[in-house]
Every structure is written in structure tokens, then in C-alpha cells.
Amino acid sequence: MLTLVFPGQGSQYSGMGKDLADNFAVARHLFEEANDALGFDLANLCFTGSEADLKLTANTQPAILAVSVAALEVLRQEKELQPTYAAGHSLGEYSALVAAGVLSFADALKTVRQRGTFMQEAVPVGVGAMAAIIGLVGEELEQLCQDAAEGEIVSPANYNSPGQVVIAGHATAIARAIALAGERGARRALMLPVSAPFHCALMAPAAERLERVLEQIPVGSFSFPVVTNVEAVPCEQPGRVKALLVKQVCAPVRWDASIEQCARLGVTHYLEVGPGKVLTGLIKRTHRDAVLDQMSDTQSLKRL
């Protein structure tokens, strides 16, 4: 059984998607559709944009989604693709929903462009932060966040793989958590170079604004289930999609639990579709005997 997995922020790089557009008309047309939907040259941003421009959250989110969907459409054209499930990390859940036929490409692009803006504007620059904590799990991590809070917000944001968790919240609370983590036996604790504290309660204003946007977006039926970040179980109920996407903004990404669930359901093969290999690395640590592939350009396509 095959699960398609789609990357989130942090996987972007200048030049992504250009090889696909140069070699496949289906990818070229998708980037043209993206430009039309957004009203600016997203293709040029992906192909030649600076790392600084690509790191801006409002740019990052539609750029990664466009490259992921372009790679998917090339795959569908060139290979026999029969996924049982799909999943995406944070932003990647929108790519998964496009893959499953639930959201249109244009609607997903416009939504994540606004989602990125809302998330960036929810917290003034410098007020929030995120950190990776390696080697603390379960109650140890929860206690760390409680002790570091001191009346501020700090909580798990991404459960990426066993022993690797990202926390988010007020920058001062994150700094306290990093200091405490070292005292409590964490193998590593470091601040991440991100522009906002994603997937924590500080994102509530972004969730409220996103909810109003999603109210206007049509939702189709699932061609296959999508394992959601919030619940870490397959969803194939169109009526639940919007509420889960809104909740996702403030809730932790349960990526390790999502992969564990896929393993229990009999998944043996994961194909990361889109820029980078971040998810492939995380899945290796959670589902050790799985077959792992990645597709982002013609060279990776040839290896499949």
C-alpha cells in the first residue's frame, strides 16, 4: 500500500520546480495556472527567487504547494499511481487534499497564500519563536513546557518523529525551555530560524481569519482518504475538512502518530512528492522497514 506525503515549510529552495516545467508541459501549465490564480509570477519566484523571498511565509506556502502539485501531475502522467492514502506536514495537508480531489488547485493556492499572511501577521516579529527539542518525550516534554511557561505560551508544535519535537510560543518562554531542556537531559535543543510561532495558541487570530476564507471554498469528495495532522487518522468526510484545517493552525502537527497509523493500516511504501526530502528522513525514524521514495524532478522520476 502506498501513501503519498507532501512537505511543508522548510523544504523550499530557489530553483525548485524549474526542471519539471522545462521538461513537462503538464507542469508548465500548472505554473501558468498558479500565476493566473495568484495574480503574480509564482513560477519565477520558485525558479529564480532569492532564498530570502522564498522564506517569506506568504510566498513559501503557495510556492511549495505549486511545486508539489506539479510533481504529482507529472507522476500521474508518467507512472501508474494508485495511492491508498495521502498525508501532508502542516501546509502539505493542502497539497494532500488537492491530490485527493477535495480542493481545487487554484482554491488551495489562494487559501494558503492568505494562510501564510494570516500566520505571519498573527504575532509581531520577535515576539514568538520555535525550537527543536531532541531526546525528551511524553511527560518529560509536557513538564518542560509547563515549567518554562511562567504565564506565557509554550507548547509542542510538531511531533516529527520519536524523540524529535518542535515547540512554539513566546520567544522568552522558548528561551527558558531551551535552557531547561539542557538541564533535563535533552540531547539537543536549539532555536529554529522561523518567522512566527506556528501551531500554538498564539496563532488563534490566524485561525479565525482562515475560517472566514474557508467558508467560501467548495469542498469535493475524497478519491482516497487523507491522514490529518490534527487527528492522525484517515479522513474521507468532506464536511469535516474545513474545521480540521482551521484547528490545524493552532494544534500540533502529529506527524509521528500519522505515520504510525499508516503502518498499522498496512502501508509499506511512502512517496514524498514535492521539494526536498525532509519527510523521508522523518519517516525513516518512525516506520523503519518502509520503502521510501521521493519525487521532485526528472532525476528522481527516473529512479522510481
C-alpha atoms as a PDB file:
ATOM      1  CA  MET A   1       0.000   0.000   0.000  1.00  0.00           C
ATOM      2  CA  LEU A   2       1.201   3.447  -0.938  1.00  0.00           C
ATOM      3  CA  THR A   3       0.860   6.741   0.952  1.00  0.00           C
ATOM      4  CA  LEU A   4       1.692   9.990  -0.824  1.00  0.00           C
ATOM      5  CA  VAL A   5       3.287  12.501   1.555  1.00  0.00           C
ATOM      6  CA  PHE A   6       3.636  16.221   0.899  1.00  0.00           C
ATOM      7  CA  PRO A   7       6.175  18.589   2.529  1.00  0.00           C
ATOM      8  CA  GLY A   8       5.562  21.783   4.457  1.00  0.00           C
ATOM      9  CA  GLN A   9       7.584  24.912   5.187  1.00  0.00           C
ATOM     10  CA  GLY A  10      11.325  24.446   5.365  1.00  0.00           C
ATOM     11  CA  SER A  11      11.538  22.331   2.209  1.00  0.00           C
ATOM     12  CA  GLN A  12      11.715  25.281  -0.188  1.00  0.00           C
ATOM     13  CA  TYR A  13      14.792  26.164  -2.242  1.00  0.00           C
ATOM     14  CA  SER A  14      15.490  28.514  -5.128  1.00  0.00           C
ATOM     15  CA  GLY A  15      15.143  26.687  -8.448  1.00  0.00           C
ATOM     16  CA  MET A  16      12.516  24.222  -7.248  1.00  0.00           C
ATOM     17  CA  GLY A  17      10.094  23.107  -9.938  1.00  0.00           C
ATOM     18  CA  LYS A  18      12.084  24.564 -12.859  1.00  0.00           C
ATOM     19  CA  ASP A  19      13.295  21.190 -14.099  1.00  0.00           C
ATOM     20  CA  LEU A  20       9.705  19.901 -14.138  1.00  0.00           C
ATOM     21  CA  ALA A  21       8.418  22.949 -16.028  1.00  0.00           C
ATOM     22  CA  ASP A  22      11.293  22.736 -18.528  1.00  0.00           C
ATOM     23  CA  ASN A  23      10.621  19.079 -19.315  1.00  0.00           C
ATOM     24  CA  PHE A  24       6.862  18.519 -18.898  1.00  0.00           C
ATOM     25  CA  ALA A  25       4.016  20.522 -20.414  1.00  0.00           C
ATOM     26  CA  VAL A  26       1.663  19.433 -17.618  1.00  0.00           C
ATOM     27  CA  ALA A  27       3.952  21.076 -15.036  1.00  0.00           C
ATOM     28  CA  ARG A  28       4.426  24.179 -17.177  1.00  0.00           C
ATOM     29  CA  HIS A  29       0.662  24.601 -17.486  1.00  0.00           C
ATOM     30  CA  LEU A  30       0.229  24.182 -13.724  1.00  0.00           C
ATOM     31  CA  PHE A  31       2.656  27.008 -13.010  1.00  0.00           C
ATOM     32  CA  GLU A  32       0.803  29.181 -15.539  1.00  0.00           C
ATOM     33  CA  GLU A  33      -2.437  28.364 -13.708  1.00  0.00           C
ATOM     34  CA  ALA A  34      -0.772  29.294 -10.416  1.00  0.00           C
ATOM     35  CA  ASN A  35       0.354  32.656 -11.803  1.00  0.00           C
ATOM     36  CA  ASP A  36      -3.179  33.375 -13.009  1.00  0.00           C
ATOM     37  CA  ALA A  37      -4.786  32.309  -9.729  1.00  0.00           C
ATOM     38  CA  LEU A  38      -2.498  34.444  -7.565  1.00  0.00           C
ATOM     39  CA  GLY A  39      -2.009  37.420  -9.853  1.00  0.00           C
ATOM     40  CA  PHE A  40       1.797  37.406  -9.675  1.00  0.00           C
ATOM     41  CA  ASP A  41       4.645  35.354 -11.120  1.00  0.00           C
ATOM     42  CA  LEU A  42       4.857  32.477  -8.645  1.00  0.00           C
ATOM     43  CA  ALA A  43       6.728  30.382 -11.210  1.00  0.00           C
ATOM     44  CA  ASN A  44       9.557  32.912 -11.384  1.00  0.00           C
ATOM     45  CA  LEU A  45       9.654  33.070  -7.584  1.00  0.00           C
ATOM     46  CA  CYS A  46      10.130  29.273  -7.447  1.00  0.00           C
ATOM     47  CA  PHE A  47      12.614  29.094 -10.324  1.00  0.00           C
ATOM     48  CA  THR A  48      14.834  32.128  -9.668  1.00  0.00           C
ATOM     49  CA  GLY A  49      13.615  33.772  -6.447  1.00  0.00           C
ATOM     50  CA  SER A  50      16.037  34.553  -3.652  1.00  0.00           C
ATOM     51  CA  GLU A  51      16.132  32.404  -0.533  1.00  0.00           C
ATOM     52  CA  ALA A  52      15.008  35.469   1.427  1.00  0.00           C
ATOM     53  CA  ASP A  53      11.894  35.939  -0.720  1.00  0.00           C
ATOM     54  CA  LEU A  54      11.090  32.240  -0.610  1.00  0.00           C
ATOM     55  CA  LYS A  55      11.311  32.244   3.199  1.00  0.00           C
ATOM     56  CA  LEU A  56       8.513  34.817   3.488  1.00  0.00           C
ATOM     57  CA  THR A  57       5.632  32.707   4.754  1.00  0.00           C
ATOM     58  CA  ALA A  58       3.061  34.170   2.359  1.00  0.00           C
ATOM     59  CA  ASN A  59       5.364  33.167  -0.527  1.00  0.00           C
ATOM     60  CA  THR A  60       6.626  29.875   0.895  1.00  0.00           C
ATOM     61  CA  GLN A  61       3.229  28.264   1.268  1.00  0.00           C
ATOM     62  CA  PRO A  62       1.867  28.684  -2.303  1.00  0.00           C
ATOM     63  CA  ALA A  63       5.331  28.024  -3.763  1.00  0.00           C
ATOM     64  CA  ILE A  64       5.738  24.647  -2.066  1.00  0.00           C
ATOM     65  CA  LEU A  65       2.144  23.696  -2.861  1.00  0.00           C
ATOM     66  CA  ALA A  66       2.597  24.559  -6.559  1.00  0.00           C
ATOM     67  CA  VAL A  67       5.820  22.545  -6.871  1.00  0.00           C
ATOM     68  CA  SER A  68       4.261  19.605  -5.007  1.00  0.00           C
ATOM     69  CA  VAL A  69       1.174  19.515  -7.233  1.00  0.00           C
ATOM     70  CA  ALA A  70       3.297  19.952 -10.375  1.00  0.00           C
ATOM     71  CA  ALA A  71       5.407  16.952  -9.325  1.00  0.00           C
ATOM     72  CA  LEU A  72       2.228  14.987  -8.614  1.00  0.00           C
ATOM     73  CA  GLU A  73       0.758  15.708 -12.046  1.00  0.00           C
ATOM     74  CA  VAL A  74       3.990  14.657 -13.759  1.00  0.00           C
ATOM     75  CA  LEU A  75       3.929  11.448 -11.711  1.00  0.00           C
ATOM     76  CA  ARG A  76       0.355  10.762 -12.718  1.00  0.00           C
ATOM     77  CA  GLN A  77       1.238  11.285 -16.359  1.00  0.00           C
ATOM     78  CA  GLU A  78       4.419   9.206 -16.351  1.00  0.00           C
ATOM     79  CA  LYS A  79       3.730   6.432 -13.824  1.00  0.00           C
ATOM     80  CA  GLU A  80       0.862   4.238 -12.746  1.00  0.00           C
ATOM     81  CA  LEU A  81      -0.039   5.762  -9.400  1.00  0.00           C
ATOM     82  CA  GLN A  82      -2.523   4.064  -7.058  1.00  0.00           C
ATOM     83  CA  PRO A  83      -2.257   5.640  -3.608  1.00  0.00           C
ATOM     84  CA  THR A  84      -4.247   4.244  -0.705  1.00  0.00           C
ATOM     85  CA  TYR A  85      -3.765   7.333   1.483  1.00  0.00           C
ATOM     86  CA  ALA A  86      -2.177  10.757   1.437  1.00  0.00           C
ATOM     87  CA  ALA A  87      -0.790  12.958   4.209  1.00  0.00           C
ATOM     88  CA  GLY A  88       0.956  16.310   4.371  1.00  0.00           C
ATOM     89  CA  HIS A  89       3.002  18.103   7.005  1.00  0.00           C
ATOM     90  CA  SER A  90       1.166  21.307   8.019  1.00  0.00           C
ATOM     91  CA  LEU A  91       0.941  23.254   4.733  1.00  0.00           C
ATOM     92  CA  GLY A  92       1.424  19.897   2.978  1.00  0.00           C
ATOM     93  CA  GLU A  93      -2.047  18.822   4.080  1.00  0.00           C
ATOM     94  CA  TYR A  94      -3.441  21.230   1.466  1.00  0.00           C
ATOM     95  CA  SER A  95      -1.348  19.502  -1.222  1.00  0.00           C
ATOM     96  CA  ALA A  96      -2.693  16.156   0.010  1.00  0.00           C
ATOM     97  CA  LEU A  97      -6.266  17.446  -0.238  1.00  0.00           C
ATOM     98  CA  VAL A  98      -5.615  18.622  -3.816  1.00  0.00           C
ATOM     99  CA  ALA A  99      -4.174  15.179  -4.617  1.00  0.00           C
ATOM    100  CA  ALA A 100      -7.313  13.522  -3.204  1.00  0.00           C
ATOM    101  CA  GLY A 101      -9.579  15.775  -5.286  1.00  0.00           C
ATOM    102  CA  VAL A 102     -11.041  17.564  -2.255  1.00  0.00           C
ATOM    103  CA  LEU A 103      -9.716  21.055  -3.024  1.00  0.00           C
ATOM    104  CA  SER A 104      -9.068  22.555  -6.443  1.00  0.00           C
ATOM    105  CA  PHE A 105      -5.502  23.620  -7.184  1.00  0.00           C
ATOM    106  CA  ALA A 106      -6.467  27.282  -7.623  1.00  0.00           C
ATOM    107  CA  ASP A 107      -8.539  27.383  -4.422  1.00  0.00           C
ATOM    108  CA  ALA A 108      -5.768  25.715  -2.418  1.00  0.00           C
ATOM    109  CA  LEU A 109      -3.172  28.174  -3.753  1.00  0.00           C
ATOM    110  CA  LYS A 110      -5.232  31.232  -2.912  1.00  0.00           C
ATOM    111  CA  THR A 111      -6.094  29.837   0.522  1.00  0.00           C
ATOM    112  CA  VAL A 112      -2.509  29.060   1.540  1.00  0.00           C
ATOM    113  CA  ARG A 113      -1.315  32.430   0.250  1.00  0.00           C
ATOM    114  CA  GLN A 114      -3.741  34.029   2.709  1.00  0.00           C
ATOM    115  CA  ARG A 115      -2.991  31.429   5.390  1.00  0.00           C
ATOM    116  CA  GLY A 116       0.685  32.376   5.220  1.00  0.00           C
ATOM    117  CA  THR A 117      -0.148  36.065   5.521  1.00  0.00           C
ATOM    118  CA  PHE A 118      -2.501  35.459   8.455  1.00  0.00           C
ATOM    119  CA  MET A 119       0.065  33.331  10.287  1.00  0.00           C
ATOM    120  CA  GLN A 120       2.791  35.924   9.777  1.00  0.00           C
ATOM    121  CA  GLU A 121       0.576  38.778  10.953  1.00  0.00           C
ATOM    122  CA  ALA A 122      -0.805  36.936  13.997  1.00  0.00           C
ATOM    123  CA  VAL A 123       2.283  37.651  16.105  1.00  0.00           C
ATOM    124  CA  PRO A 124       4.657  40.644  15.829  1.00  0.00           C
ATOM    125  CA  VAL A 125       8.137  39.707  14.604  1.00  0.00           C
ATOM    126  CA  GLY A 126      10.369  38.800  17.548  1.00  0.00           C
ATOM    127  CA  VAL A 127       7.519  38.062  19.979  1.00  0.00           C
ATOM    128  CA  GLY A 128       7.222  34.374  19.078  1.00  0.00           C
ATOM    129  CA  ALA A 129       9.715  31.615  18.367  1.00  0.00           C
ATOM    130  CA  MET A 130      10.089  27.878  17.764  1.00  0.00           C
ATOM    131  CA  ALA A 131      12.721  25.406  18.933  1.00  0.00           C
ATOM    132  CA  ALA A 132      13.615  21.795  18.236  1.00  0.00           C
ATOM    133  CA  ILE A 133      13.942  19.571  21.303  1.00  0.00           C
ATOM    134  CA  ILE A 134      15.746  16.284  20.684  1.00  0.00           C
ATOM    135  CA  GLY A 135      15.642  13.477  23.232  1.00  0.00           C
ATOM    136  CA  LEU A 136      12.730  14.403  25.505  1.00  0.00           C
ATOM    137  CA  VAL A 137       9.379  12.676  25.040  1.00  0.00           C
ATOM    138  CA  GLY A 138       5.913  12.355  26.547  1.00  0.00           C
ATOM    139  CA  GLU A 139       5.557  13.598  30.101  1.00  0.00           C
ATOM    140  CA  GLU A 140       9.123  14.954  30.146  1.00  0.00           C
ATOM    141  CA  LEU A 141       8.336  17.297  27.285  1.00  0.00           C
ATOM    142  CA  GLU A 142       4.973  18.333  28.675  1.00  0.00           C
ATOM    143  CA  GLN A 143       6.563  19.121  32.045  1.00  0.00           C
ATOM    144  CA  LEU A 144       9.297  21.103  30.302  1.00  0.00           C
ATOM    145  CA  CYS A 145       6.678  23.302  28.587  1.00  0.00           C
ATOM    146  CA  GLN A 146       4.719  23.787  31.824  1.00  0.00           C
ATOM    147  CA  ASP A 147       7.821  24.791  33.780  1.00  0.00           C
ATOM    148  CA  ALA A 148       9.103  27.135  31.055  1.00  0.00           C
ATOM    149  CA  ALA A 149       5.783  28.929  30.511  1.00  0.00           C
ATOM    150  CA  GLU A 150       5.721  31.210  33.587  1.00  0.00           C
ATOM    151  CA  GLY A 151       2.412  32.655  32.429  1.00  0.00           C
ATOM    152  CA  GLU A 152       3.364  32.721  28.739  1.00  0.00           C
ATOM    153  CA  ILE A 153       2.590  30.263  25.948  1.00  0.00           C
ATOM    154  CA  VAL A 154       4.914  27.401  25.071  1.00  0.00           C
ATOM    155  CA  SER A 155       3.676  24.040  23.769  1.00  0.00           C
ATOM    156  CA  PRO A 156       4.501  21.203  21.341  1.00  0.00           C
ATOM    157  CA  ALA A 157       4.005  22.318  17.740  1.00  0.00           C
ATOM    158  CA  ASN A 158       5.341  19.420  15.649  1.00  0.00           C
ATOM    159  CA  TYR A 159       5.678  15.815  16.787  1.00  0.00           C
ATOM    160  CA  ASN A 160       8.015  14.951  13.926  1.00  0.00           C
ATOM    161  CA  SER A 161       9.481  11.574  14.875  1.00  0.00           C
ATOM    162  CA  PRO A 162      10.235   9.632  18.058  1.00  0.00           C
ATOM    163  CA  GLY A 163      12.327  11.920  20.251  1.00  0.00           C
ATOM    164  CA  GLN A 164      12.161  14.908  17.889  1.00  0.00           C
ATOM    165  CA  VAL A 165       9.597  17.545  18.819  1.00  0.00           C
ATOM    166  CA  VAL A 166       9.346  21.215  17.869  1.00  0.00           C
ATOM    167  CA  ILE A 167       7.879  23.606  20.443  1.00  0.00           C
ATOM    168  CA  ALA A 168       6.368  27.044  19.793  1.00  0.00           C
ATOM    169  CA  GLY A 169       5.267  30.048  21.796  1.00  0.00           C
ATOM    170  CA  HIS A 170       6.528  33.318  23.232  1.00  0.00           C
ATOM    171  CA  ALA A 171      10.213  33.826  22.452  1.00  0.00           C
ATOM    172  CA  THR A 172      11.114  34.353  26.110  1.00  0.00           C
ATOM    173  CA  ALA A 173       9.341  31.131  27.113  1.00  0.00           C
ATOM    174  CA  ILE A 174      11.070  29.228  24.300  1.00  0.00           C
ATOM    175  CA  ALA A 175      14.444  30.511  25.544  1.00  0.00           C
ATOM    176  CA  ARG A 176      13.616  29.256  29.050  1.00  0.00           C
ATOM    177  CA  ALA A 177      12.576  25.885  27.620  1.00  0.00           C
ATOM    178  CA  ILE A 178      15.873  25.527  25.749  1.00  0.00           C
ATOM    179  CA  ALA A 179      17.820  26.224  28.939  1.00  0.00           C
ATOM    180  CA  LEU A 180      15.725  23.767  30.957  1.00  0.00           C
ATOM    181  CA  ALA A 181      15.948  21.101  28.244  1.00  0.00           C
ATOM    182  CA  GLY A 182      19.716  21.035  28.562  1.00  0.00           C
ATOM    183  CA  GLU A 183      19.465  20.602  32.320  1.00  0.00           C
ATOM    184  CA  ARG A 184      16.946  17.748  31.916  1.00  0.00           C
ATOM    185  CA  GLY A 185      18.937  15.566  29.589  1.00  0.00           C
ATOM    186  CA  ALA A 186      17.819  16.607  26.109  1.00  0.00           C
ATOM    187  CA  ARG A 187      20.408  15.585  23.529  1.00  0.00           C
ATOM    188  CA  ARG A 188      19.899  18.859  21.702  1.00  0.00           C
ATOM    189  CA  ALA A 189      17.747  21.979  22.000  1.00  0.00           C
ATOM    190  CA  LEU A 190      18.024  24.808  19.528  1.00  0.00           C
ATOM    191  CA  MET A 191      16.083  27.814  18.284  1.00  0.00           C
ATOM    192  CA  LEU A 192      14.756  27.461  14.720  1.00  0.00           C
ATOM    193  CA  PRO A 193      15.107  30.195  12.069  1.00  0.00           C
ATOM    194  CA  VAL A 194      11.372  30.747  11.536  1.00  0.00           C
ATOM    195  CA  SER A 195       9.386  33.942  11.183  1.00  0.00           C
ATOM    196  CA  ALA A 196       6.484  33.071  13.506  1.00  0.00           C
ATOM    197  CA  PRO A 197       5.456  30.562  16.226  1.00  0.00           C
ATOM    198  CA  PHE A 198       3.333  28.181  14.146  1.00  0.00           C
ATOM    199  CA  HIS A 199       0.926  25.588  15.581  1.00  0.00           C
ATOM    200  CA  CYS A 200       0.389  27.083  19.007  1.00  0.00           C
ATOM    201  CA  ALA A 201      -2.270  29.196  20.741  1.00  0.00           C
ATOM    202  CA  LEU A 202      -0.594  32.427  19.555  1.00  0.00           C
ATOM    203  CA  MET A 203      -1.926  31.578  16.084  1.00  0.00           C
ATOM    204  CA  ALA A 204      -5.581  31.984  17.169  1.00  0.00           C
ATOM    205  CA  PRO A 205      -6.057  35.245  15.204  1.00  0.00           C
ATOM    206  CA  ALA A 206      -4.814  33.476  12.054  1.00  0.00           C
ATOM    207  CA  ALA A 207      -7.213  30.575  12.614  1.00  0.00           C
ATOM    208  CA  GLU A 208     -10.168  32.961  12.905  1.00  0.00           C
ATOM    209  CA  ARG A 209      -9.248  34.744   9.666  1.00  0.00           C
ATOM    210  CA  LEU A 210      -8.633  31.448   7.851  1.00  0.00           C
ATOM    211  CA  GLU A 211     -12.043  30.157   8.910  1.00  0.00           C
ATOM    212  CA  ARG A 212     -13.714  33.061   7.089  1.00  0.00           C
ATOM    213  CA  VAL A 213     -11.710  32.336   3.928  1.00  0.00           C
ATOM    214  CA  LEU A 214     -12.503  28.614   4.002  1.00  0.00           C
ATOM    215  CA  GLU A 215     -16.226  29.338   4.300  1.00  0.00           C
ATOM    216  CA  GLN A 216     -16.116  30.459   0.649  1.00  0.00           C
ATOM    217  CA  ILE A 217     -14.176  27.435  -0.668  1.00  0.00           C
ATOM    218  CA  PRO A 218     -16.020  24.463  -2.203  1.00  0.00           C
ATOM    219  CA  VAL A 219     -15.025  21.008  -0.958  1.00  0.00           C
ATOM    220  CA  GLY A 220     -15.245  17.894  -3.132  1.00  0.00           C
ATOM    221  CA  SER A 221     -15.393  14.209  -2.293  1.00  0.00           C
ATOM    222  CA  PHE A 222     -12.283  12.158  -1.470  1.00  0.00           C
ATOM    223  CA  SER A 223     -10.799   9.879  -4.113  1.00  0.00           C
ATOM    224  CA  PHE A 224      -8.741   8.396  -1.234  1.00  0.00           C
ATOM    225  CA  PRO A 225      -8.511   9.283   2.478  1.00  0.00           C
ATOM    226  CA  VAL A 226      -6.139  11.921   3.854  1.00  0.00           C
ATOM    227  CA  VAL A 227      -4.499  11.305   7.232  1.00  0.00           C
ATOM    228  CA  THR A 228      -4.917  14.637   9.002  1.00  0.00           C
ATOM    229  CA  ASN A 229      -2.386  16.477  11.171  1.00  0.00           C
ATOM    230  CA  VAL A 230      -4.884  17.153  13.944  1.00  0.00           C
ATOM    231  CA  GLU A 231      -6.271  13.645  14.445  1.00  0.00           C
ATOM    232  CA  ALA A 232      -3.599  11.416  12.850  1.00  0.00           C
ATOM    233  CA  VAL A 233      -6.307   9.207  11.349  1.00  0.00           C
ATOM    234  CA  PRO A 234      -7.679   8.970   7.792  1.00  0.00           C
ATOM    235  CA  CYS A 235     -10.431  11.435   6.924  1.00  0.00           C
ATOM    236  CA  GLU A 236     -12.770  10.979   3.970  1.00  0.00           C
ATOM    237  CA  GLN A 237     -15.677  13.132   5.134  1.00  0.00           C
ATOM    238  CA  PRO A 238     -15.866  16.368   3.118  1.00  0.00           C
ATOM    239  CA  GLY A 239     -17.953  18.007   5.833  1.00  0.00           C
ATOM    240  CA  ARG A 240     -15.059  17.810   8.318  1.00  0.00           C
ATOM    241  CA  VAL A 241     -12.306  19.225   6.106  1.00  0.00           C
ATOM    242  CA  LYS A 242     -12.668  22.929   6.870  1.00  0.00           C
ATOM    243  CA  ALA A 243     -12.943  22.529  10.640  1.00  0.00           C
ATOM    244  CA  LEU A 244      -9.813  20.352  10.692  1.00  0.00           C
ATOM    245  CA  LEU A 245      -7.863  22.872   8.596  1.00  0.00           C
ATOM    246  CA  VAL A 246      -8.863  25.682  10.947  1.00  0.00           C
ATOM    247  CA  LYS A 247      -7.961  23.651  14.033  1.00  0.00           C
ATOM    248  CA  GLN A 248      -4.632  22.691  12.450  1.00  0.00           C
ATOM    249  CA  VAL A 249      -3.361  26.295  12.676  1.00  0.00           C
ATOM    250  CA  CYS A 250      -3.129  26.207  16.487  1.00  0.00           C
ATOM    251  CA  ALA A 251      -2.887  22.436  17.083  1.00  0.00           C
ATOM    252  CA  PRO A 252       0.345  20.424  16.961  1.00  0.00           C
ATOM    253  CA  VAL A 253       1.218  18.516  13.803  1.00  0.00           C
ATOM    254  CA  ARG A 254       1.037  14.859  14.839  1.00  0.00           C
ATOM    255  CA  TRP A 255       3.332  13.575  12.123  1.00  0.00           C
ATOM    256  CA  ASP A 256       4.850  10.652  14.029  1.00  0.00           C
ATOM    257  CA  ALA A 257       1.373   9.429  15.033  1.00  0.00           C
ATOM    258  CA  SER A 258       0.186   9.816  11.426  1.00  0.00           C
ATOM    259  CA  ILE A 259       2.980   7.558  10.159  1.00  0.00           C
ATOM    260  CA  GLU A 260       2.394   5.071  12.988  1.00  0.00           C
ATOM    261  CA  GLN A 261      -1.270   4.964  11.956  1.00  0.00           C
ATOM    262  CA  CYS A 262      -0.315   4.360   8.313  1.00  0.00           C
ATOM    263  CA  ALA A 263       1.922   1.486   9.411  1.00  0.00           C
ATOM    264  CA  ARG A 264      -0.950  -0.046  11.410  1.00  0.00           C
ATOM    265  CA  LEU A 265      -3.197   0.256   8.361  1.00  0.00           C
ATOM    266  CA  GLY A 266      -0.726  -1.790   6.302  1.00  0.00           C
ATOM    267  CA  VAL A 267       1.129   0.943   4.392  1.00  0.00           C
ATOM    268  CA  THR A 268       4.504  -0.327   3.183  1.00  0.00           C
ATOM    269  CA  HIS A 269       5.546   2.420   0.744  1.00  0.00           C
ATOM    270  CA  TYR A 270       5.761   6.217   1.089  1.00  0.00           C
ATOM    271  CA  LEU A 271       6.373   8.582  -1.806  1.00  0.00           C
ATOM    272  CA  GLU A 272       7.355  12.151  -0.879  1.00  0.00           C
ATOM    273  CA  VAL A 273       6.052  14.433  -3.613  1.00  0.00           C
ATOM    274  CA  GLY A 274       7.487  17.952  -3.779  1.00  0.00           C
ATOM    275  CA  PRO A 275      10.681  19.785  -2.865  1.00  0.00           C
ATOM    276  CA  GLY A 276      13.226  18.279  -0.502  1.00  0.00           C
ATOM    277  CA  LYS A 277      13.471  15.047   1.472  1.00  0.00           C
ATOM    278  CA  VAL A 278      12.528  16.232   4.959  1.00  0.00           C
ATOM    279  CA  LEU A 279       9.592  13.857   5.370  1.00  0.00           C
ATOM    280  CA  THR A 280      11.540  10.895   4.020  1.00  0.00           C
ATOM    281  CA  GLY A 281      14.092  11.447   6.800  1.00  0.00           C
ATOM    282  CA  LEU A 282      11.386  11.692   9.468  1.00  0.00           C
ATOM    283  CA  ILE A 283       9.515   8.604   8.253  1.00  0.00           C
ATOM    284  CA  LYS A 284      12.741   6.549   8.379  1.00  0.00           C
ATOM    285  CA  ARG A 285      12.823   7.058  12.137  1.00  0.00           C
ATOM    286  CA  THR A 286       9.167   6.126  12.673  1.00  0.00           C
ATOM    287  CA  HIS A 287       8.464   3.332  10.143  1.00  0.00           C
ATOM    288  CA  ARG A 288      11.895   1.780   9.791  1.00  0.00           C
ATOM    289  CA  ASP A 289      11.094  -1.050   7.377  1.00  0.00           C
ATOM    290  CA  ALA A 290       9.057   1.039   4.923  1.00  0.00           C
ATOM    291  CA  VAL A 291      10.025   1.596   1.289  1.00  0.00           C
ATOM    292  CA  LEU A 292      10.745   5.307   0.802  1.00  0.00           C
ATOM    293  CA  ASP A 293      10.883   7.273  -2.446  1.00  0.00           C
ATOM    294  CA  GLN A 294      10.922  10.951  -3.362  1.00  0.00           C
ATOM    295  CA  MET A 295       9.900  12.835  -6.500  1.00  0.00           C
ATOM    296  CA  SER A 296      10.736  16.462  -7.274  1.00  0.00           C
ATOM    297  CA  ASP A 297      12.494  16.479 -10.682  1.00  0.00           C
ATOM    298  CA  THR A 298      13.340  14.364 -13.717  1.00  0.00           C
ATOM    299  CA  GLN A 299      16.248  12.611 -11.989  1.00  0.00           C
ATOM    300  CA  SER A 300      14.120  11.439  -9.065  1.00  0.00           C
ATOM    301  CA  LEU A 301      11.382  10.413 -11.538  1.00  0.00           C
ATOM    302  CA  LYS A 302      13.851   8.162 -13.346  1.00  0.00           C
ATOM    303  CA  ARG A 303      14.673   6.386 -10.094  1.00  0.00           C
ATOM    304  CA  LEU A 304      11.050   5.392  -9.464  1.00  0.00           C
END
